Amino acid sequence: MSKVTEITKELVIPIVEELQLELVDIEYKKEGKNWFLRVYIDSDDGVDIEECGKVSERLSEKLDENDPIKDPYFLEVSSPGAERPLKREEDLRKAVGKNVYITTYEQINGEKAFEGTLTSFDGEELQVEVKVKTRKKVVTIPYDKMASARLAVVF
């Protein structure tokens, strides 16, 4: 985590907790000539534009007071969307029973990408039921071999 994202996290956590929301992720990155500070929030019921606006206003005031960012930037507060990243163990536990897309650092059964239903997560291994042609098969993925994970939309 960069210094900017660490400071932003310290400032935003009390705000989201007060509003009974969850901090999903923070990004600070340059796109073209502009810097963007993106804060992703969520709740069990999802978030709407009003909640994003409240967090944005309160966080903007805190950022102005603390002034941790030298360069001009755009602050964006939003939902992580339907394909929410699963970054923490808690995120994975909540995702059991849902469709996920997982990539790994090294091949497992000749593959590095898996999409299917997350059937279990015990803190050390993930079990994902994937469809191979017309059959379903369970793949065990060691947690320390997981490169990334996100919810996946099924059409």
Protein backbone atom coordinates (compact mmCIF):
# COMPACT_ATOMS: atom_id res chain seq x y z
CA MET A 1 0.00 0.00 0.00
CA SER A 2 1.25 3.48 -0.81
CA LYS A 3 1.45 6.23 1.80
CA VAL A 4 -1.53 8.00 0.19
CA THR A 5 -3.72 4.89 0.34
CA GLU A 6 -2.65 4.17 3.93
CA ILE A 7 -3.54 7.69 5.09
CA THR A 8 -6.80 7.60 3.12
CA LYS A 9 -7.67 4.28 4.76
CA GLU A 10 -7.11 5.76 8.23
CA LEU A 11 -9.35 8.71 7.33
CA VAL A 12 -12.16 6.78 5.63
CA ILE A 13 -12.61 3.83 8.02
CA PRO A 14 -14.36 5.87 10.75
CA ILE A 15 -16.63 7.40 8.09
CA VAL A 16 -17.73 4.08 6.56
CA GLU A 17 -18.12 2.45 9.97
CA GLU A 18 -20.38 5.31 11.14
CA LEU A 19 -22.53 4.83 8.03
CA GLN A 20 -22.52 1.04 8.55
CA LEU A 21 -20.69 0.46 5.28
CA GLU A 22 -17.63 -1.58 4.38
CA LEU A 23 -14.38 -0.34 2.85
CA VAL A 24 -13.58 -2.68 -0.04
CA ASP A 25 -10.50 -1.11 -1.61
CA ILE A 26 -8.53 2.09 -2.22
CA GLU A 27 -6.56 2.92 -5.37
CA TYR A 28 -4.33 5.89 -6.07
CA LYS A 29 -3.08 5.95 -9.61
CA LYS A 30 -2.20 8.11 -12.55
CA GLU A 31 -4.21 7.79 -15.74
CA GLY A 32 -2.92 9.97 -18.54
CA LYS A 33 -2.08 13.34 -17.00
CA ASN A 34 -4.47 12.99 -14.06
CA TRP A 35 -4.22 11.35 -10.63
CA PHE A 36 -7.24 9.49 -9.25
CA LEU A 37 -7.95 8.49 -5.66
CA ARG A 38 -10.64 5.81 -5.84
CA VAL A 39 -12.43 4.51 -2.76
CA TYR A 40 -14.69 1.49 -3.13
CA ILE A 41 -17.41 0.93 -0.54
CA ASP A 42 -20.15 -1.65 -0.13
CA SER A 43 -22.71 -3.15 2.26
CA ASP A 44 -24.74 -6.34 2.37
CA ASP A 45 -27.57 -4.46 0.64
CA GLY A 46 -25.28 -2.69 -1.83
CA VAL A 47 -24.65 1.06 -1.95
CA ASP A 48 -26.38 3.83 -3.84
CA ILE A 49 -25.23 7.18 -5.14
CA GLU A 50 -26.43 8.95 -1.98
CA GLU A 51 -24.17 6.83 0.26
CA CYS A 52 -21.24 7.33 -2.12
CA GLY A 53 -21.88 11.08 -2.00
CA LYS A 54 -21.92 11.15 1.83
CA VAL A 55 -18.62 9.27 2.03
CA SER A 56 -17.11 11.46 -0.70
CA GLU A 57 -18.09 14.72 1.05
CA ARG A 58 -16.84 13.63 4.48
CA LEU A 59 -13.64 12.11 3.13
CA SER A 60 -12.95 15.20 1.00
CA GLU A 61 -13.14 17.38 4.15
CA LYS A 62 -10.74 15.05 6.01
CA LEU A 63 -8.32 14.98 3.07
CA ASP A 64 -8.38 18.81 2.88
CA GLU A 65 -7.61 19.02 6.62
CA ASN A 66 -4.75 16.49 6.51
CA ASP A 67 -3.53 17.32 2.98
CA PRO A 68 -1.65 14.04 2.33
CA ILE A 69 -1.57 14.45 -1.47
CA LYS A 70 0.73 16.99 -3.12
CA ASP A 71 -0.52 16.70 -6.71
CA PRO A 72 -4.02 17.68 -7.85
CA TYR A 73 -6.27 14.60 -8.02
CA PHE A 74 -9.84 13.46 -8.57
CA LEU A 75 -11.61 11.73 -5.68
CA GLU A 76 -14.04 9.00 -6.72
CA VAL A 77 -16.17 7.01 -4.28
CA SER A 78 -18.17 4.13 -5.72
CA SER A 79 -19.41 0.59 -5.38
CA PRO A 80 -16.95 -2.12 -6.45
CA GLY A 81 -19.58 -3.32 -8.93
CA ALA A 82 -21.00 -6.72 -9.72
CA GLU A 83 -17.56 -8.27 -10.18
CA ARG A 84 -16.29 -7.14 -6.80
CA PRO A 85 -12.67 -8.07 -5.98
CA LEU A 86 -12.22 -10.58 -3.16
CA LYS A 87 -9.05 -9.43 -1.45
CA ARG A 88 -9.39 -10.50 2.18
CA GLU A 89 -10.11 -13.86 3.78
CA GLU A 90 -13.40 -12.40 5.05
CA ASP A 91 -14.38 -11.53 1.46
CA LEU A 92 -13.79 -15.13 0.40
CA ARG A 93 -15.82 -16.51 3.32
CA LYS A 94 -18.74 -14.26 2.35
CA ALA A 95 -18.45 -15.43 -1.26
CA VAL A 96 -18.97 -19.13 -0.49
CA GLY A 97 -21.90 -20.30 -2.61
CA LYS A 98 -21.35 -17.56 -5.21
CA ASN A 99 -19.83 -17.62 -8.68
CA VAL A 100 -16.18 -16.52 -8.65
CA TYR A 101 -13.25 -16.05 -11.02
CA ILE A 102 -9.86 -16.95 -9.53
CA THR A 103 -6.35 -16.75 -10.97
CA THR A 104 -3.32 -18.49 -9.50
CA TYR A 105 0.42 -17.80 -9.43
CA GLU A 106 1.17 -21.26 -10.79
CA GLN A 107 -0.73 -23.92 -12.67
CA ILE A 108 -3.12 -26.27 -10.90
CA ASN A 109 -4.19 -29.21 -13.06
CA GLY A 110 -2.68 -27.40 -16.06
CA GLU A 111 -4.73 -24.20 -15.52
CA LYS A 112 -4.12 -20.77 -13.96
CA ALA A 113 -7.69 -19.42 -14.18
CA PHE A 114 -10.85 -20.91 -12.71
CA GLU A 115 -14.48 -19.82 -12.86
CA GLY A 116 -17.21 -21.56 -10.94
CA THR A 117 -18.98 -21.77 -7.61
CA LEU A 118 -16.86 -21.26 -4.52
CA THR A 119 -18.02 -24.19 -2.41
CA SER A 120 -15.74 -23.69 0.60
CA PHE A 121 -12.87 -21.71 2.07
CA ASP A 122 -11.18 -22.72 5.31
CA GLY A 123 -8.41 -20.12 5.43
CA GLU A 124 -5.90 -22.40 3.72
CA GLU A 125 -7.70 -23.82 0.69
CA LEU A 126 -10.49 -22.80 -1.65
CA GLN A 127 -12.77 -25.38 -3.24
CA VAL A 128 -14.25 -24.25 -6.56
CA GLU A 129 -16.78 -26.29 -8.52
CA VAL A 130 -15.98 -25.68 -12.19
CA LYS A 131 -17.77 -26.90 -15.27
CA VAL A 132 -15.65 -28.88 -17.72
CA LYS A 133 -17.72 -29.36 -20.88
CA THR A 134 -20.86 -31.06 -19.51
CA ARG A 135 -19.45 -32.25 -16.16
CA LYS A 136 -18.77 -30.48 -12.90
CA LYS A 137 -15.51 -30.98 -11.05
CA VAL A 138 -14.16 -29.56 -7.78
CA VAL A 139 -10.74 -27.91 -7.89
CA THR A 140 -8.77 -27.30 -4.70
CA ILE A 141 -6.71 -24.10 -4.74
CA PRO A 142 -4.20 -23.38 -1.96
CA TYR A 143 -4.90 -19.86 -0.64
CA ASP A 144 -1.21 -18.92 -0.88
CA LYS A 145 -1.25 -19.79 -4.62
CA MET A 146 -4.22 -17.48 -5.35
CA ALA A 147 -3.13 -14.42 -7.35
CA SER A 148 -6.52 -12.72 -7.56
CA ALA A 149 -10.20 -13.41 -7.01
CA ARG A 150 -13.42 -11.62 -7.82
CA LEU A 151 -17.11 -12.30 -8.02
CA ALA A 152 -18.17 -13.35 -11.51
CA VAL A 153 -21.45 -12.55 -13.22
CA VAL A 154 -23.24 -15.51 -14.79
CA PHE A 155 -25.33 -14.88 -17.90
